C-alpha atoms as a PDB file:
ATOM      1  CA  MET A   1     135.081  55.615 158.027  1.00  0.00           C
ATOM      2  CA  LYS A   2     136.110  59.067 159.177  1.00  0.00           C
ATOM      3  CA  LEU A   3     139.029  60.838 157.543  1.00  0.00           C
ATOM      4  CA  THR A   4     140.595  64.183 158.230  1.00  0.00           C
ATOM      5  CA  VAL A   5     141.714  65.823 155.003  1.00  0.00           C
ATOM      6  CA  LEU A   6     144.251  68.653 155.020  1.00  0.00           C
ATOM      7  CA  LEU A   7     143.614  71.405 152.463  1.00  0.00           C
ATOM      8  CA  PHE A   8     146.010  73.992 151.111  1.00  0.00           C
ATOM      9  CA  ALA A   9     145.937  77.298 149.211  1.00  0.00           C
ATOM     10  CA  LYS A  10     142.704  77.940 147.262  1.00  0.00           C
ATOM     11  CA  LEU A  11     141.166  74.681 148.467  1.00  0.00           C
ATOM     12  CA  ARG A  12     141.592  75.860 152.037  1.00  0.00           C
ATOM     13  CA  ASP A  13     139.943  79.156 151.042  1.00  0.00           C
ATOM     14  CA  ALA A  14     136.997  77.334 149.405  1.00  0.00           C
ATOM     15  CA  ALA A  15     136.442  75.211 152.504  1.00  0.00           C
ATOM     16  CA  GLY A  16     137.044  78.053 154.947  1.00  0.00           C
ATOM     17  CA  SER A  17     139.306  75.735 156.921  1.00  0.00           C
ATOM     18  CA  GLU A  18     142.702  74.088 156.689  1.00  0.00           C
ATOM     19  CA  ALA A  19     141.171  70.657 157.374  1.00  0.00           C
ATOM     20  CA  VAL A  20     137.826  68.926 156.965  1.00  0.00           C
ATOM     21  CA  THR A  21     136.568  65.692 158.473  1.00  0.00           C
ATOM     22  CA  LEU A  22     134.695  63.442 156.051  1.00  0.00           C
ATOM     23  CA  GLU A  23     132.654  60.281 156.427  1.00  0.00           C
ATOM     24  CA  LEU A  24     133.367  57.884 153.541  1.00  0.00           C
ATOM     25  CA  PRO A  25     132.351  54.260 153.119  1.00  0.00           C
ATOM     26  CA  THR A  26     134.852  51.527 153.910  1.00  0.00           C
ATOM     27  CA  GLY A  27     136.860  50.742 150.783  1.00  0.00           C
ATOM     28  CA  ALA A  28     136.621  54.294 149.416  1.00  0.00           C
ATOM     29  CA  THR A  29     139.411  55.374 147.080  1.00  0.00           C
ATOM     30  CA  VAL A  30     141.168  58.649 146.337  1.00  0.00           C
ATOM     31  CA  ALA A  31     138.759  59.082 143.389  1.00  0.00           C
ATOM     32  CA  ASP A  32     135.810  58.728 145.801  1.00  0.00           C
ATOM     33  CA  LEU A  33     137.408  61.336 148.047  1.00  0.00           C
ATOM     34  CA  ARG A  34     137.719  63.791 145.126  1.00  0.00           C
ATOM     35  CA  ARG A  35     134.056  63.239 144.181  1.00  0.00           C
ATOM     36  CA  HIS A  36     132.960  63.790 147.769  1.00  0.00           C
ATOM     37  CA  LEU A  37     134.981  67.003 148.066  1.00  0.00           C
ATOM     38  CA  ALA A  38     133.666  68.258 144.702  1.00  0.00           C
ATOM     39  CA  GLY A  39     130.112  67.652 145.892  1.00  0.00           C
ATOM     40  CA  THR A  40     130.787  69.477 149.139  1.00  0.00           C
ATOM     41  CA  PHE A  41     132.724  72.372 147.569  1.00  0.00           C
ATOM     42  CA  PRO A  42     131.437  72.640 143.970  1.00  0.00           C
ATOM     43  CA  GLU A  43     133.293  75.914 143.388  1.00  0.00           C
ATOM     44  CA  ALA A  44     136.562  73.972 143.779  1.00  0.00           C
ATOM     45  CA  THR A  45     135.720  71.128 141.355  1.00  0.00           C
ATOM     46  CA  GLY A  46     138.142  72.227 138.617  1.00  0.00           C
ATOM     47  CA  LEU A  47     140.923  72.779 141.112  1.00  0.00           C
ATOM     48  CA  LEU A  48     140.323  69.375 142.725  1.00  0.00           C
ATOM     49  CA  GLU A  49     140.738  67.689 139.330  1.00  0.00           C
ATOM     50  CA  ARG A  50     144.222  69.213 138.992  1.00  0.00           C
ATOM     51  CA  SER A  51     145.315  68.717 142.600  1.00  0.00           C
ATOM     52  CA  ALA A  52     147.605  66.015 143.912  1.00  0.00           C
ATOM     53  CA  VAL A  53     146.478  63.815 146.785  1.00  0.00           C
ATOM     54  CA  ALA A  54     148.950  62.495 149.323  1.00  0.00           C
ATOM     55  CA  VAL A  55     148.105  59.621 151.640  1.00  0.00           C
ATOM     56  CA  ASN A  56     150.456  59.067 154.562  1.00  0.00           C
ATOM     57  CA  HIS A  57     153.053  61.367 152.961  1.00  0.00           C
ATOM     58  CA  ASP A  58     153.084  59.568 149.582  1.00  0.00           C
ATOM     59  CA  PHE A  59     151.395  60.822 146.434  1.00  0.00           C
ATOM     60  CA  ALA A  60     148.467  58.551 145.630  1.00  0.00           C
ATOM     61  CA  ASP A  61     146.757  57.452 142.412  1.00  0.00           C
ATOM     62  CA  ALA A  62     142.983  57.651 142.005  1.00  0.00           C
ATOM     63  CA  ASP A  63     142.501  53.932 142.678  1.00  0.00           C
ATOM     64  CA  ARG A  64     144.372  53.890 146.000  1.00  0.00           C
ATOM     65  CA  PRO A  65     142.085  52.678 148.783  1.00  0.00           C
ATOM     66  CA  LEU A  66     141.804  54.783 151.910  1.00  0.00           C
ATOM     67  CA  ALA A  67     141.640  53.554 155.493  1.00  0.00           C
ATOM     68  CA  ALA A  68     140.456  55.162 158.698  1.00  0.00           C
ATOM     69  CA  GLY A  69     143.335  57.004 160.291  1.00  0.00           C
ATOM     70  CA  ASP A  70     145.156  57.742 157.022  1.00  0.00           C
ATOM     71  CA  GLU A  71     146.697  61.192 156.828  1.00  0.00           C
ATOM     72  CA  VAL A  72     145.289  62.689 153.635  1.00  0.00           C
ATOM     73  CA  ALA A  73     146.302  65.996 152.050  1.00  0.00           C
ATOM     74  CA  VAL A  74     144.974  67.614 148.886  1.00  0.00           C
ATOM     75  CA  ILE A  75     147.628  69.798 147.308  1.00  0.00           C
ATOM     76  CA  PRO A  76     146.676  72.154 144.487  1.00  0.00           C
ATOM     77  CA  PRO A  77     149.145  72.984 141.723  1.00  0.00           C
ATOM     78  CA  VAL A  78     151.547  75.798 142.494  1.00  0.00           C
ATOM     79  CA  SER A  79     152.469  78.570 140.119  1.00  0.00           C
ATOM     80  CA  GLY A  80     155.006  81.285 140.400  1.00  0.00           C
ATOM     81  CA  GLY A  81     157.865  82.872 138.709  1.00  0.00           C
END
């Protein structure tokens, strides 16, 4: 299945784009998505582990299955003062 994944902040910088389109197998989960992104952008692996994933505007756990057409966003932690 094809998914478009929105990326923000340093993840966007690592990918060189604000969105990437991925091909994942049917039944893939958020954890599978993280592994795929880490393999594609190894310099962002640590950041991916700490980032939240939202699916269709709701934060998602690692075991949440994904479906074609889902809106997926990977949101890194924010710091500031």
